[in-house]
Amino acid sequence: MTTKLPPITPGDILLEEFIKPFGISQNQLAEDIHVPITQINAIVNGQKTITTDTALRLARYFGTTPQFWLNLQQHYELELAEATLADQILKTIKPLASIAANDHEA
């Protein structure tokens, strides 16, 4: 039996791929990008999302793009939604093509 791992949060990426490798603290990052430390801490702990404002700040600071950060957030949210809603959606929503095909057969 395989166990599906929980999705990786954007905060996990921020911490493991940026904060730790660059040797900066969450406090230093918060100061440098002019946001409250509580905001960075909440992102790292998966309690807060990366907003467009934060994406712009992180992109400027780390030399990435805002889209990189927003894509991480969107991918994470989609994984969560698929895990909780996919079965229900598959059972309750029919693709338009199958509806149209049934209409033509009638």
N, C-alpha and C. Protein backbone atom coordinates (compact mmCIF):
# COMPACT_ATOMS: atom_id res chain seq x y z
N MET A 1 0.84 -1.17 0.00
CA MET A 1 0.00 0.00 0.00
C MET A 1 0.89 1.25 0.00
N THR A 2 0.58 2.18 -0.87
CA THR A 2 1.36 3.41 -0.92
C THR A 2 0.62 4.51 -0.18
N THR A 3 1.39 5.30 0.51
CA THR A 3 0.83 6.43 1.24
C THR A 3 1.20 7.70 0.51
N LYS A 4 0.20 8.49 0.21
CA LYS A 4 0.46 9.75 -0.49
C LYS A 4 0.94 10.77 0.54
N LEU A 5 2.05 11.40 0.22
CA LEU A 5 2.60 12.42 1.11
C LEU A 5 1.78 13.70 0.99
N PRO A 6 1.71 14.46 2.08
CA PRO A 6 0.99 15.73 1.99
C PRO A 6 1.71 16.67 1.02
N PRO A 7 0.97 17.56 0.38
CA PRO A 7 1.60 18.47 -0.56
C PRO A 7 2.62 19.38 0.13
N ILE A 8 3.63 19.74 -0.62
CA ILE A 8 4.66 20.65 -0.10
C ILE A 8 4.12 22.07 -0.18
N THR A 9 4.19 22.77 0.93
CA THR A 9 3.67 24.14 0.96
C THR A 9 4.68 25.11 0.35
N PRO A 10 4.21 26.25 -0.12
CA PRO A 10 5.14 27.29 -0.58
C PRO A 10 6.10 27.71 0.53
N GLY A 11 5.62 27.66 1.76
CA GLY A 11 6.48 27.99 2.90
C GLY A 11 7.61 27.00 3.08
N ASP A 12 7.35 25.71 2.79
CA ASP A 12 8.42 24.71 2.83
C ASP A 12 9.51 25.06 1.82
N ILE A 13 9.10 25.44 0.62
CA ILE A 13 10.05 25.82 -0.42
C ILE A 13 10.82 27.06 0.00
N LEU A 14 10.10 28.05 0.50
CA LEU A 14 10.75 29.28 0.96
C LEU A 14 11.82 28.98 2.00
N LEU A 15 11.48 28.14 2.96
CA LEU A 15 12.42 27.82 4.03
C LEU A 15 13.60 26.98 3.54
N GLU A 16 13.29 25.87 2.87
CA GLU A 16 14.33 24.89 2.51
C GLU A 16 15.17 25.28 1.30
N GLU A 17 14.60 26.02 0.37
CA GLU A 17 15.32 26.36 -0.86
C GLU A 17 15.86 27.79 -0.89
N PHE A 18 15.41 28.62 0.04
CA PHE A 18 15.84 30.01 0.02
C PHE A 18 16.39 30.49 1.36
N ILE A 19 15.60 30.42 2.42
CA ILE A 19 16.04 30.96 3.70
C ILE A 19 17.27 30.21 4.22
N LYS A 20 17.18 28.90 4.32
CA LYS A 20 18.30 28.11 4.85
C LYS A 20 19.54 28.20 3.97
N PRO A 21 19.43 27.96 2.65
CA PRO A 21 20.64 28.01 1.82
C PRO A 21 21.34 29.37 1.81
N PHE A 22 20.56 30.44 1.91
CA PHE A 22 21.17 31.78 1.92
C PHE A 22 21.64 32.18 3.32
N GLY A 23 21.35 31.36 4.30
CA GLY A 23 21.82 31.62 5.66
C GLY A 23 21.20 32.85 6.30
N ILE A 24 19.95 33.11 5.98
CA ILE A 24 19.27 34.24 6.60
C ILE A 24 18.18 33.72 7.52
N SER A 25 17.79 34.54 8.46
CA SER A 25 16.71 34.17 9.37
C SER A 25 15.38 34.67 8.81
N GLN A 26 14.32 34.13 9.35
CA GLN A 26 13.00 34.62 8.97
C GLN A 26 12.87 36.09 9.34
N ASN A 27 13.43 36.46 10.48
CA ASN A 27 13.39 37.85 10.92
C ASN A 27 14.12 38.76 9.93
N GLN A 28 15.29 38.33 9.48
CA GLN A 28 16.07 39.12 8.52
C GLN A 28 15.30 39.28 7.21
N LEU A 29 14.71 38.20 6.74
CA LEU A 29 13.92 38.27 5.51
C LEU A 29 12.78 39.26 5.67
N ALA A 30 12.07 39.16 6.77
CA ALA A 30 10.94 40.06 7.02
C ALA A 30 11.40 41.52 7.02
N GLU A 31 12.49 41.79 7.70
CA GLU A 31 13.02 43.16 7.74
C GLU A 31 13.42 43.63 6.34
N ASP A 32 14.10 42.78 5.61
CA ASP A 32 14.63 43.17 4.30
C ASP A 32 13.53 43.41 3.26
N ILE A 33 12.41 42.69 3.38
CA ILE A 33 11.34 42.90 2.39
C ILE A 33 10.19 43.73 2.96
N HIS A 34 10.39 44.24 4.16
CA HIS A 34 9.45 45.18 4.79
C HIS A 34 8.06 44.59 5.02
N VAL A 35 8.05 43.41 5.65
CA VAL A 35 6.80 42.80 6.09
C VAL A 35 6.97 42.36 7.54
N PRO A 36 5.88 42.16 8.26
CA PRO A 36 6.00 41.69 9.64
C PRO A 36 6.58 40.28 9.71
N ILE A 37 7.37 40.03 10.75
CA ILE A 37 7.94 38.70 10.94
C ILE A 37 6.84 37.66 11.06
N THR A 38 5.71 38.04 11.64
CA THR A 38 4.60 37.10 11.77
C THR A 38 4.10 36.62 10.41
N GLN A 39 4.21 37.47 9.41
CA GLN A 39 3.78 37.08 8.06
C GLN A 39 4.69 36.01 7.49
N ILE A 40 6.00 36.22 7.60
CA ILE A 40 6.96 35.23 7.09
C ILE A 40 6.83 33.93 7.86
N ASN A 41 6.72 34.03 9.18
CA ASN A 41 6.58 32.83 10.00
C ASN A 41 5.32 32.05 9.65
N ALA A 42 4.23 32.75 9.41
CA ALA A 42 2.97 32.09 9.05
C ALA A 42 3.06 31.42 7.68
N ILE A 43 3.77 32.04 6.74
CA ILE A 43 3.97 31.43 5.42
C ILE A 43 4.81 30.16 5.56
N VAL A 44 5.91 30.26 6.30
CA VAL A 44 6.80 29.12 6.50
C VAL A 44 6.06 27.96 7.18
N ASN A 45 5.16 28.28 8.09
CA ASN A 45 4.41 27.25 8.82
C ASN A 45 3.14 26.80 8.11
N GLY A 46 2.93 27.27 6.89
CA GLY A 46 1.77 26.85 6.10
C GLY A 46 0.45 27.41 6.59
N GLN A 47 0.50 28.50 7.34
CA GLN A 47 -0.71 29.10 7.90
C GLN A 47 -1.19 30.31 7.11
N LYS A 48 -0.38 30.78 6.19
CA LYS A 48 -0.72 31.96 5.41
C LYS A 48 -0.29 31.73 3.97
N THR A 49 -1.04 32.29 3.04
CA THR A 49 -0.71 32.12 1.62
C THR A 49 0.27 33.20 1.16
N ILE A 50 0.90 32.93 0.04
CA ILE A 50 1.75 33.94 -0.60
C ILE A 50 0.84 34.77 -1.49
N THR A 51 0.70 36.03 -1.13
CA THR A 51 -0.14 36.95 -1.90
C THR A 51 0.67 37.57 -3.03
N THR A 52 0.00 38.30 -3.89
CA THR A 52 0.72 38.97 -4.99
C THR A 52 1.73 39.97 -4.44
N ASP A 53 1.36 40.67 -3.38
CA ASP A 53 2.28 41.63 -2.75
C ASP A 53 3.54 40.92 -2.25
N THR A 54 3.35 39.82 -1.55
CA THR A 54 4.48 39.06 -1.03
C THR A 54 5.29 38.46 -2.16
N ALA A 55 4.63 37.99 -3.20
CA ALA A 55 5.33 37.43 -4.36
C ALA A 55 6.24 38.47 -5.00
N LEU A 56 5.75 39.68 -5.13
CA LEU A 56 6.58 40.76 -5.70
C LEU A 56 7.81 41.01 -4.84
N ARG A 57 7.62 41.03 -3.54
CA ARG A 57 8.73 41.30 -2.61
C ARG A 57 9.76 40.16 -2.61
N LEU A 58 9.27 38.92 -2.56
CA LEU A 58 10.18 37.77 -2.57
C LEU A 58 10.94 37.68 -3.89
N ALA A 59 10.26 37.96 -4.98
CA ALA A 59 10.90 37.92 -6.30
C ALA A 59 12.03 38.93 -6.39
N ARG A 60 11.78 40.13 -5.95
CA ARG A 60 12.80 41.17 -5.98
C ARG A 60 13.99 40.77 -5.11
N TYR A 61 13.71 40.27 -3.94
CA TYR A 61 14.75 39.94 -2.96
C TYR A 61 15.61 38.76 -3.41
N PHE A 62 14.97 37.71 -3.89
CA PHE A 62 15.70 36.49 -4.23
C PHE A 62 16.09 36.39 -5.70
N GLY A 63 15.71 37.37 -6.51
CA GLY A 63 16.07 37.34 -7.92
C GLY A 63 15.28 36.33 -8.72
N THR A 64 14.05 36.10 -8.31
CA THR A 64 13.17 35.20 -9.04
C THR A 64 12.10 36.04 -9.73
N THR A 65 10.99 35.43 -10.05
CA THR A 65 9.87 36.19 -10.62
C THR A 65 8.68 36.09 -9.67
N PRO A 66 7.80 37.07 -9.71
CA PRO A 66 6.59 36.95 -8.90
C PRO A 66 5.78 35.70 -9.29
N GLN A 67 5.79 35.38 -10.57
CA GLN A 67 5.05 34.22 -11.05
C GLN A 67 5.54 32.93 -10.41
N PHE A 68 6.84 32.83 -10.15
CA PHE A 68 7.39 31.65 -9.48
C PHE A 68 6.67 31.41 -8.16
N TRP A 69 6.56 32.45 -7.36
CA TRP A 69 5.95 32.34 -6.03
C TRP A 69 4.45 32.09 -6.14
N LEU A 70 3.80 32.76 -7.06
CA LEU A 70 2.36 32.57 -7.23
C LEU A 70 2.06 31.17 -7.77
N ASN A 71 2.93 30.65 -8.63
CA ASN A 71 2.76 29.29 -9.14
C ASN A 71 2.89 28.26 -8.01
N LEU A 72 3.85 28.48 -7.11
CA LEU A 72 3.98 27.58 -5.96
C LEU A 72 2.69 27.55 -5.15
N GLN A 73 2.15 28.74 -4.90
CA GLN A 73 0.93 28.84 -4.12
C GLN A 73 -0.24 28.18 -4.83
N GLN A 74 -0.38 28.47 -6.11
CA GLN A 74 -1.49 27.91 -6.89
C GLN A 74 -1.38 26.39 -6.98
N HIS A 75 -0.18 25.88 -7.21
CA HIS A 75 0.03 24.44 -7.29
C HIS A 75 -0.36 23.76 -5.97
N TYR A 76 0.05 24.36 -4.87
CA TYR A 76 -0.28 23.81 -3.55
C TYR A 76 -1.79 23.78 -3.34
N GLU A 77 -2.45 24.88 -3.64
CA GLU A 77 -3.90 24.95 -3.46
C GLU A 77 -4.63 23.95 -4.35
N LEU A 78 -4.15 23.76 -5.56
CA LEU A 78 -4.76 22.79 -6.47
C LEU A 78 -4.59 21.37 -5.94
N GLU A 79 -3.41 21.05 -5.42
CA GLU A 79 -3.20 19.72 -4.84
C GLU A 79 -4.15 19.47 -3.67
N LEU A 80 -4.33 20.48 -2.83
CA LEU A 80 -5.27 20.33 -1.71
C LEU A 80 -6.69 20.11 -2.21
N ALA A 81 -7.09 20.90 -3.19
CA ALA A 81 -8.44 20.78 -3.73
C ALA A 81 -8.65 19.42 -4.38
N GLU A 82 -7.67 18.95 -5.12
CA GLU A 82 -7.79 17.64 -5.76
C GLU A 82 -7.93 16.54 -4.72
N ALA A 83 -7.19 16.66 -3.64
CA ALA A 83 -7.25 15.64 -2.60
C ALA A 83 -8.60 15.61 -1.91
N THR A 84 -9.25 16.74 -1.79
CA THR A 84 -10.51 16.79 -1.05
C THR A 84 -11.75 16.78 -1.94
N LEU A 85 -11.63 17.25 -3.17
CA LEU A 85 -12.81 17.43 -4.01
C LEU A 85 -12.87 16.54 -5.26
N ALA A 86 -11.77 15.98 -5.66
CA ALA A 86 -11.71 15.27 -6.95
C ALA A 86 -12.76 14.17 -7.07
N ASP A 87 -12.89 13.32 -6.08
CA ASP A 87 -13.86 12.23 -6.16
C ASP A 87 -15.29 12.75 -6.30
N GLN A 88 -15.63 13.75 -5.51
CA GLN A 88 -16.98 14.32 -5.57
C GLN A 88 -17.24 14.94 -6.94
N ILE A 89 -16.27 15.65 -7.47
CA ILE A 89 -16.44 16.29 -8.78
C ILE A 89 -16.59 15.24 -9.87
N LEU A 90 -15.78 14.18 -9.81
CA LEU A 90 -15.88 13.11 -10.81
C LEU A 90 -17.26 12.45 -10.79
N LYS A 91 -17.83 12.31 -9.61
CA LYS A 91 -19.13 11.65 -9.47
C LYS A 91 -20.30 12.55 -9.87
N THR A 92 -20.16 13.85 -9.67
CA THR A 92 -21.33 14.73 -9.82
C THR A 92 -21.33 15.60 -11.06
N ILE A 93 -20.21 15.76 -11.72
CA ILE A 93 -20.15 16.65 -12.89
C ILE A 93 -19.79 15.83 -14.12
N LYS A 94 -20.64 15.93 -15.13
CA LYS A 94 -20.40 15.22 -16.39
C LYS A 94 -19.73 16.17 -17.37
N PRO A 95 -18.75 15.68 -18.13
CA PRO A 95 -18.12 16.51 -19.15
C PRO A 95 -19.13 16.93 -20.21
N LEU A 96 -19.00 18.12 -20.72
CA LEU A 96 -19.90 18.64 -21.75
C LEU A 96 -19.97 17.70 -22.94
N ALA A 97 -18.82 17.13 -23.34
CA ALA A 97 -18.80 16.24 -24.50
C ALA A 97 -19.73 15.05 -24.31
N SER A 98 -19.78 14.49 -23.11
CA SER A 98 -20.66 13.33 -22.88
C SER A 98 -22.12 13.76 -22.83
N ILE A 99 -22.38 14.96 -22.32
CA ILE A 99 -23.75 15.48 -22.31
C ILE A 99 -24.22 15.71 -23.74
N ALA A 100 -23.36 16.33 -24.54
CA ALA A 100 -23.70 16.62 -25.94
C ALA A 100 -23.91 15.32 -26.72
N ALA A 101 -23.07 14.31 -26.46
CA ALA A 101 -23.20 13.03 -27.16
C ALA A 101 -24.53 12.37 -26.81
N ASN A 102 -24.93 12.43 -25.55
CA ASN A 102 -26.21 11.85 -25.13
C ASN A 102 -27.38 12.60 -25.76
N ASP A 103 -27.27 13.91 -25.91
CA ASP A 103 -28.32 14.70 -26.54
C ASP A 103 -28.49 14.32 -28.01
N HIS A 104 -27.37 14.03 -28.68
CA HIS A 104 -27.43 13.68 -30.10
C HIS A 104 -28.04 12.29 -30.31
N GLU A 105 -27.83 11.41 -29.32
CA GLU A 105 -28.36 10.05 -29.42
C GLU A 105 -29.87 10.04 -29.20
N ALA A 106 -30.38 10.98 -28.49
CA ALA A 106 -31.81 10.99 -28.15
C ALA A 106 -32.70 11.39 -29.28
